[in-house]
Protein backbone atom coordinates (compact mmCIF):
# COMPACT_ATOMS: atom_id res chain seq x y z
CA UNK A 1 115.26 116.75 97.02
CA UNK A 2 116.17 113.84 99.29
CA UNK A 3 118.53 110.97 99.40
CA UNK A 4 118.06 108.00 97.24
CA UNK A 5 117.45 105.33 99.71
CA UNK A 6 118.28 102.71 97.33
CA UNK A 7 120.20 99.38 98.22
CA UNK A 8 122.54 98.80 95.07
CA UNK A 9 122.65 95.24 93.88
CA UNK A 10 126.24 96.04 93.05
CA UNK A 11 126.91 96.08 96.77
CA UNK A 12 126.75 92.29 96.77
CA UNK A 13 130.27 92.45 94.92
CA UNK A 14 131.74 94.61 97.40
CA UNK A 15 132.71 91.91 99.69
CA UNK A 16 135.62 91.09 97.42
CA UNK A 17 136.54 94.69 96.72
CA UNK A 18 136.61 95.45 100.31
CA UNK A 19 138.86 92.49 100.98
CA UNK A 20 141.48 93.60 98.38
CA UNK A 21 141.36 97.30 99.69
CA UNK A 22 142.64 98.59 103.01
CA UNK A 23 140.11 100.29 105.03
CA UNK A 24 140.01 103.94 104.90
CA UNK A 25 143.28 105.08 106.54
CA UNK A 26 143.31 102.64 109.51
CA UNK A 27 146.19 104.29 111.08
CA UNK A 28 147.06 107.52 112.95
CA UNK A 29 146.84 110.42 110.51
CA UNK A 30 145.59 114.07 110.22
CA UNK A 31 143.66 114.25 106.99
CA UNK A 32 140.28 112.80 106.64
CA UNK A 33 137.42 112.85 104.18
CA UNK A 34 133.69 112.14 104.64
CA UNK A 35 130.91 111.86 101.96
CA UNK A 36 127.32 112.91 102.21
CA UNK A 37 124.33 113.19 100.01
CA UNK A 38 121.12 115.34 99.75
CA UNK A 39 118.54 114.61 102.30
CA UNK A 40 116.81 116.82 104.85
CA UNK A 41 118.66 115.39 107.90
CA UNK A 42 122.02 115.55 106.30
CA UNK A 43 122.02 119.01 104.85
CA UNK A 44 124.02 120.11 107.98
CA UNK A 45 127.05 118.31 106.61
CA UNK A 46 127.16 120.70 103.76
CA UNK A 47 126.63 123.77 105.82
CA UNK A 48 129.53 122.47 108.08
CA UNK A 49 131.77 122.74 105.07
CA UNK A 50 130.50 125.84 103.55
CA UNK A 51 130.28 127.86 106.88
CA UNK A 52 133.70 126.87 108.05
CA UNK A 53 132.30 125.49 111.34
CA UNK A 54 133.99 122.12 110.46
CA UNK A 55 137.39 123.77 109.66
CA UNK A 56 137.07 125.33 113.16
CA UNK A 57 136.63 122.15 115.00
CA UNK A 58 139.18 120.30 112.87
CA UNK A 59 141.66 122.99 113.73
CA UNK A 60 140.85 122.64 117.40
CA UNK A 61 142.08 119.04 117.14
CA UNK A 62 145.03 119.55 114.93
CA UNK A 63 143.37 117.79 111.89
CA UNK A 64 141.79 118.50 108.52
CA UNK A 65 138.40 117.23 107.63
CA UNK A 66 137.09 117.47 104.04
CA UNK A 67 133.38 117.11 103.72
CA UNK A 68 132.46 115.75 100.05
CA UNK A 69 128.97 115.94 98.64
CA UNK A 70 128.16 113.12 96.20
CA UNK A 71 125.02 113.20 94.29
CA UNK A 72 124.49 109.49 94.05
CA UNK A 73 123.57 108.27 97.64
CA UNK A 74 124.55 104.61 97.06
CA UNK A 75 127.63 105.61 95.26
CA UNK A 76 128.85 107.62 98.26
CA UNK A 77 128.31 104.23 100.32
CA UNK A 78 130.07 102.26 97.82
CA UNK A 79 133.04 104.52 97.82
CA UNK A 80 133.08 104.60 101.47
CA UNK A 81 132.96 100.78 101.51
CA UNK A 82 135.97 100.57 98.97
CA UNK A 83 138.12 102.78 101.36
CA UNK A 84 137.86 106.10 99.54
CA UNK A 85 136.18 107.92 102.42
CA UNK A 86 136.73 107.65 106.21
CA UNK A 87 132.79 108.34 106.90
CA UNK A 88 129.63 108.57 105.05
CA UNK A 89 126.00 109.64 105.87
CA UNK A 90 123.65 106.40 105.54
CA UNK A 91 120.70 104.89 106.99
CA UNK A 92 121.10 101.88 109.61
CA UNK A 93 119.55 99.72 106.97
CA UNK A 94 121.93 100.64 104.08
CA UNK A 95 125.09 100.57 106.58
CA UNK A 96 124.06 96.96 107.54
CA UNK A 97 123.74 95.74 103.95
CA UNK A 98 126.46 97.51 102.16
CA UNK A 99 129.71 98.13 104.14
CA UNK A 100 129.06 95.88 107.22
CA UNK A 101 127.53 93.23 104.99
CA UNK A 102 130.69 93.44 102.69
CA UNK A 103 133.14 93.06 105.77
CA UNK A 104 133.88 96.80 106.44
CA UNK A 105 133.73 97.28 110.33
CA UNK A 106 131.58 100.45 110.69
CA UNK A 107 130.57 102.56 113.70
CA UNK A 108 127.49 104.73 113.88
CA UNK A 109 129.31 107.87 115.23
CA UNK A 110 126.17 110.21 115.00
CA UNK A 111 122.67 109.23 115.02
CA UNK A 112 121.15 112.30 113.53
CA UNK A 113 117.35 111.63 113.21
CA UNK A 114 114.73 109.09 112.26
CA UNK A 115 112.15 109.42 109.55
CA UNK A 116 108.89 110.27 111.31
CA UNK A 117 106.49 110.83 108.34
CA UNK A 118 108.98 111.30 105.60
CA UNK A 119 108.24 107.96 104.07
CA UNK A 120 104.66 106.66 103.42
CA UNK A 121 102.43 104.24 101.58
CA UNK A 122 99.97 106.18 99.42
CA UNK A 123 96.99 104.99 97.71
CA UNK A 124 93.88 106.03 95.68
CA UNK A 125 90.11 105.41 95.74
CA UNK A 126 89.67 104.99 99.58
CA UNK A 127 91.83 101.89 99.73
CA UNK A 128 92.86 100.48 102.97
CA UNK A 129 95.88 98.31 103.74
CA UNK A 130 93.76 95.13 103.52
CA UNK A 131 92.77 96.12 99.97
CA UNK A 132 96.35 95.91 98.67
CA UNK A 133 96.04 91.92 98.63
CA UNK A 134 96.01 90.91 95.00
CA UNK A 135 97.27 94.33 93.89
CA UNK A 136 100.62 95.78 92.58
CA UNK A 137 102.58 98.35 94.43
CA UNK A 138 105.00 100.71 93.02
CA UNK A 139 108.20 101.66 94.75
CA UNK A 140 112.00 101.74 94.66
CA UNK A 141 112.73 97.99 95.03
CA UNK A 142 115.07 96.96 97.87
CA UNK A 143 114.92 100.16 99.49
CA UNK A 144 113.71 101.76 102.68
CA UNK A 145 110.37 102.05 100.77
CA UNK A 146 110.39 98.31 100.31
CA UNK A 147 110.95 97.89 104.02
CA UNK A 148 108.20 100.22 104.93
CA UNK A 149 105.80 98.18 102.69
CA UNK A 150 106.67 95.10 104.53
CA UNK A 151 106.08 96.76 107.87
CA UNK A 152 102.68 98.04 106.72
CA UNK A 153 101.60 94.86 105.37
CA UNK A 154 102.65 93.07 108.52
CA UNK A 155 100.62 95.51 110.48
CA UNK A 156 97.38 94.33 108.48
CA UNK A 157 98.15 90.88 108.83
CA UNK A 158 99.55 90.51 105.18
CA UNK A 159 102.86 89.81 103.56
CA UNK A 160 104.34 90.59 100.10
CA UNK A 161 103.32 87.14 98.87
CA UNK A 162 99.82 88.40 99.17
CA UNK A 163 100.32 91.08 96.58
CA UNK A 164 100.30 90.66 92.82
CA UNK A 165 103.90 91.92 93.10
CA UNK A 166 105.81 95.13 93.42
CA UNK A 167 106.79 97.22 90.50
CA UNK A 168 110.27 98.82 90.65
CA UNK A 169 109.77 102.46 89.95
CA UNK A 170 112.52 105.08 90.01
CA UNK A 171 111.88 108.00 92.46
CA UNK A 172 112.29 110.30 89.48
CA UNK A 173 109.18 108.46 87.78
CA UNK A 174 107.14 108.07 90.98
CA UNK A 175 104.79 111.20 90.44
CA UNK A 176 104.22 110.33 86.71
CA UNK A 177 103.43 106.80 87.64
CA UNK A 178 100.89 107.62 90.27
CA UNK A 179 99.12 110.00 87.77
CA UNK A 180 98.34 106.99 85.54
CA UNK A 181 95.11 105.02 85.91
CA UNK A 182 97.19 101.81 86.34
CA UNK A 183 98.98 102.55 89.32
CA UNK A 184 96.86 102.56 92.50
CA UNK A 185 99.49 102.55 95.32
CA UNK A 186 102.91 103.85 95.62
CA UNK A 187 105.52 103.83 98.55
CA UNK A 188 107.95 106.86 98.62
CA UNK A 189 109.61 109.65 100.57
CA UNK A 190 109.39 113.42 100.82
CA UNK A 191 109.38 115.64 99.04
CA UNK A 192 107.53 113.18 96.75
CA UNK A 193 104.98 112.18 99.40
CA UNK A 194 103.95 115.86 99.91
CA UNK A 195 103.85 116.51 96.22
CA UNK A 196 101.68 113.53 95.46
CA UNK A 197 99.09 114.15 98.36
CA UNK A 198 98.93 117.98 97.57
CA UNK A 199 98.19 117.44 93.88
CA UNK A 200 95.81 114.43 94.19
CA UNK A 201 92.76 114.86 96.40
CA UNK A 202 91.96 111.21 96.31
CA UNK A 203 95.34 110.25 97.61
CA UNK A 204 95.43 108.84 101.23
CA UNK A 205 98.31 107.89 103.41
CA UNK A 206 97.71 104.37 104.48
CA UNK A 207 100.87 103.83 106.45
CA UNK A 208 103.86 106.14 107.22
CA UNK A 209 107.28 106.00 109.09
CA UNK A 210 105.58 107.80 112.11
CA UNK A 211 104.08 104.23 112.73
CA UNK A 212 107.60 102.70 113.19
CA UNK A 213 109.51 105.35 115.14
CA UNK A 214 113.28 104.85 115.41
CA UNK A 215 113.41 102.02 112.70
CA UNK A 216 114.66 104.11 109.83
CA UNK A 217 117.70 105.92 111.33
CA UNK A 218 119.86 108.47 109.50
CA UNK A 219 123.44 108.24 110.60
CA UNK A 220 127.00 109.44 110.11
CA UNK A 221 128.96 106.24 110.05
CA UNK A 222 132.81 106.02 110.09
CA UNK A 223 135.43 103.22 109.70
CA UNK A 224 135.74 101.61 113.02
CA UNK A 225 139.59 101.26 113.11
CA UNK A 226 140.18 104.80 111.69
CA UNK A 227 138.15 106.14 114.74
CA UNK A 228 139.96 103.87 117.17
CA UNK A 229 143.30 105.13 115.84
CA UNK A 230 142.20 108.61 115.54
CA UNK A 231 139.70 109.72 118.46
CA UNK A 232 140.30 113.46 117.52
CA UNK A 233 138.49 112.60 114.26
CA UNK A 234 135.43 111.67 116.09
CA UNK A 235 135.55 114.46 118.50
CA UNK A 236 135.90 117.18 115.72
CA UNK A 237 132.96 115.79 113.65
CA UNK A 238 130.75 115.45 116.62
CA UNK A 239 131.59 118.79 118.11
CA UNK A 240 130.84 120.45 114.53
CA UNK A 241 127.66 118.72 114.21
CA UNK A 242 126.12 119.60 117.54
CA UNK A 243 127.13 123.28 117.07
CA UNK A 244 124.94 123.25 113.87
CA UNK A 245 122.27 121.23 115.73
CA UNK A 246 122.15 124.02 118.28
CA UNK A 247 121.81 126.72 115.46
CA UNK A 248 118.84 124.62 114.09
CA UNK A 249 117.16 124.05 117.33
CA UNK A 250 117.28 127.96 117.86
CA UNK A 251 115.55 128.54 114.39
CA UNK A 252 118.43 130.26 112.89
CA UNK A 253 116.63 131.30 109.57
CA UNK A 254 119.87 132.06 107.91
CA UNK A 255 121.37 128.56 108.57
CA UNK A 256 117.93 126.92 107.72
CA UNK A 257 117.67 129.07 104.64
CA UNK A 258 121.11 127.94 103.38
CA UNK A 259 120.21 124.29 103.98
CA UNK A 260 116.83 124.67 102.06
CA UNK A 261 118.59 126.33 99.04
CA UNK A 262 121.36 123.72 98.94
CA UNK A 263 118.68 121.07 98.96
CA UNK A 264 116.74 122.72 96.04
CA UNK A 265 113.77 124.08 98.00
CA UNK A 266 112.84 127.15 100.09
CA UNK A 267 112.72 127.78 103.59
CA UNK A 268 109.01 126.79 104.19
CA UNK A 269 109.76 123.55 102.15
CA UNK A 270 112.69 122.67 104.19
CA UNK A 271 110.73 123.42 107.50
CA UNK A 272 108.05 121.04 106.24
CA UNK A 273 110.58 118.29 105.67
CA UNK A 274 112.04 118.87 109.08
CA UNK A 275 108.67 118.58 110.60
CA UNK A 276 108.47 115.08 109.25
CA UNK A 277 111.86 114.13 110.53
CA UNK A 278 112.63 113.51 114.34
CA UNK A 279 115.98 115.50 114.49
CA UNK A 280 118.21 114.74 117.62
CA UNK A 281 119.23 118.33 118.04
CA UNK A 282 120.21 117.60 121.71
CA UNK A 283 122.96 114.95 121.83
CA UNK A 284 121.54 113.49 125.04
CA UNK A 285 118.48 112.34 122.81
CA UNK A 286 120.90 110.69 120.40
CA UNK A 287 122.69 108.94 123.17
CA UNK A 288 119.16 107.70 124.39
CA UNK A 289 118.27 106.48 121.07
CA UNK A 290 121.60 104.68 120.66
CA UNK A 291 121.10 103.13 123.95
CA UNK A 292 117.28 102.17 123.36
CA UNK A 293 116.14 98.80 124.53
CA UNK A 294 114.23 98.63 121.22
CA UNK A 295 117.19 99.13 118.93
CA UNK A 296 118.50 95.41 118.85
CA UNK A 297 115.03 94.30 118.11
CA UNK A 298 114.81 96.95 115.22
CA UNK A 299 118.09 95.84 113.83
CA UNK A 300 117.18 92.30 113.86
CA UNK A 301 114.06 93.08 111.93
CA UNK A 302 116.04 95.07 109.49
CA UNK A 303 118.60 92.18 109.14
CA UNK A 304 115.69 89.70 108.56
CA UNK A 305 114.36 91.87 105.84
CA UNK A 306 117.76 92.20 104.10
CA UNK A 307 118.38 88.57 104.42
CA UNK A 308 114.95 87.65 102.79
CA UNK A 309 115.66 89.92 100.00
CA UNK A 310 119.24 88.24 99.48
CA UNK A 311 120.98 91.60 100.08
CA UNK A 312 122.62 91.06 103.63
CA UNK A 313 126.18 90.48 102.34
CA UNK A 314 127.35 88.22 99.69
CA UNK A 315 126.69 84.60 100.47
CA UNK A 316 125.12 85.44 103.87
CA UNK A 317 124.04 82.02 105.38
CA UNK A 318 121.35 83.61 107.73
CA UNK A 319 119.89 86.75 109.09
CA UNK A 320 122.41 86.56 111.89
CA UNK A 321 125.39 86.79 109.47
CA UNK A 322 126.56 90.30 110.74
CA UNK A 323 126.97 91.07 114.31
CA UNK A 324 125.80 94.31 115.62
CA UNK A 325 127.24 95.73 118.81
CA UNK A 326 125.38 98.26 121.13
CA UNK A 327 126.58 100.70 123.81
CA UNK A 328 125.98 98.35 126.56
CA UNK A 329 128.27 95.71 125.02
CA UNK A 330 125.54 93.38 123.89
CA UNK A 331 125.55 91.99 120.51
CA UNK A 332 122.77 90.89 118.13
CA UNK A 333 123.73 88.53 115.19
CA UNK A 334 127.03 86.84 114.95
CA UNK A 335 129.41 87.87 117.85
CA UNK A 336 132.24 86.44 115.85
CA UNK A 337 131.53 88.86 112.99
CA UNK A 338 130.69 92.23 114.48
CA UNK A 339 130.92 94.74 111.60
CA UNK A 340 128.38 97.30 112.63
CA UNK A 341 128.61 99.18 116.14
CA UNK A 342 126.34 101.69 117.70
CA UNK A 343 128.90 103.87 119.77
CA UNK A 344 127.35 106.66 122.04
CA UNK A 345 130.94 107.54 123.38
CA UNK A 346 131.34 110.74 121.34
CA UNK A 347 127.70 111.95 121.38
CA UNK A 348 127.85 111.47 125.19
CA UNK A 349 130.97 113.70 125.31
CA UNK A 350 128.96 116.36 123.47
CA UNK A 351 125.98 116.05 125.99
CA UNK A 352 128.48 116.31 128.87
CA UNK A 353 130.06 119.36 127.21
CA UNK A 354 133.43 117.51 127.15
CA UNK A 355 134.42 118.35 123.35
C-alpha cells in the first residue's frame, strides 16, 4: 500500500474555506493532533502512536499529541488545511498546491525522505522515452506521477503536448489497465511498480524518481503559527520521530515488521519499498536536504508545473504566487506571500542532541 499522491481539484476551493476558519490552534496550548496516511516513509507515524514513543516524548514536554491515520491522503491534507489538524504528512508538491496555495502558512518540520525509485514510467514492447511521442500515457492525473512524466519527457526533449494525451487512471485500476493491449505506458508508484514489472516480462522502466533525487520529498508539515506559539510541539514530534529513525536504521525487525503489517505487506515487501526510498535516518542528513542549494530550484520547477496545470492556488496569477522560505532566509516566489517554509531548526536540535 502507499499514499495516494493525488492533487484534489477540490483543493482549489479551499482558499475560501481556509479564510473562514482559524488556523489549527494558532495559540499556546497543550493538546495537538496530526494526521498521516499509508506510505512507506510515513509508517513510523503509526508506529509512534501504537508503541507509546509519541506519548513518552509528549509527556517530556508537558503536552499531548494524538496521531490520527486517515485512509484518504488528499482528505488528510484538506482537513489540515481547514484547521482540523495541527500537522499532516504530505509531499512538497501537495503542500505547495493545497494548504500553502490556499493561504495556510505551513512549515516543513521534518523532511523524512525522498522517492528514489518508488515512482516510475513503465512501458511495453521495448519502447523508449522518444517513442512516447504521439502515444497515450496512463497515470493519476495532476499527481506526482504527472510531474514525473513531465520531467521524463523533458529529459528526452519532449513535452506533454507531444503526446496523444494522458489518460486519468486510478491507482486501483493501474495494474488491470497495463494488462490490456491498448495501454502501452503507465506512470505509477510502489508497490504497483514492483507488481507490474514482476508480472510482465516485457515491461521496462523508462524513467524513475532516482533520476530526479530530492524532487519528490515526503514531509511532516505543521501550521506555522501553531509551531511558533508552541515550540514544545515541534520538539516532541521531532524527538519522537528520530527515536524511531534510530530503530529503523539499526534494522530492528520487530519495529520494521510492525510497520510492514500496518501497511499491508510483509517484512521483505516493506524492506523492498524502503530500498527505493532515501530515508533520512540521521537528522543531519535531513538538515542538509533542507539547506541544499538545489532545493529552491526544485521548488521553482514544482511551482511552475502546478501553475501550468492550474492548481497552484485559486486564481494564482503566476508560478511565483506562493513564497517559499528556506533555512538561510532566502525566498523563492512572492516574498509578500510566504506560505511554505523549510525550517531546519528542530531537525538541527535533533542532530545536536539538544531535544
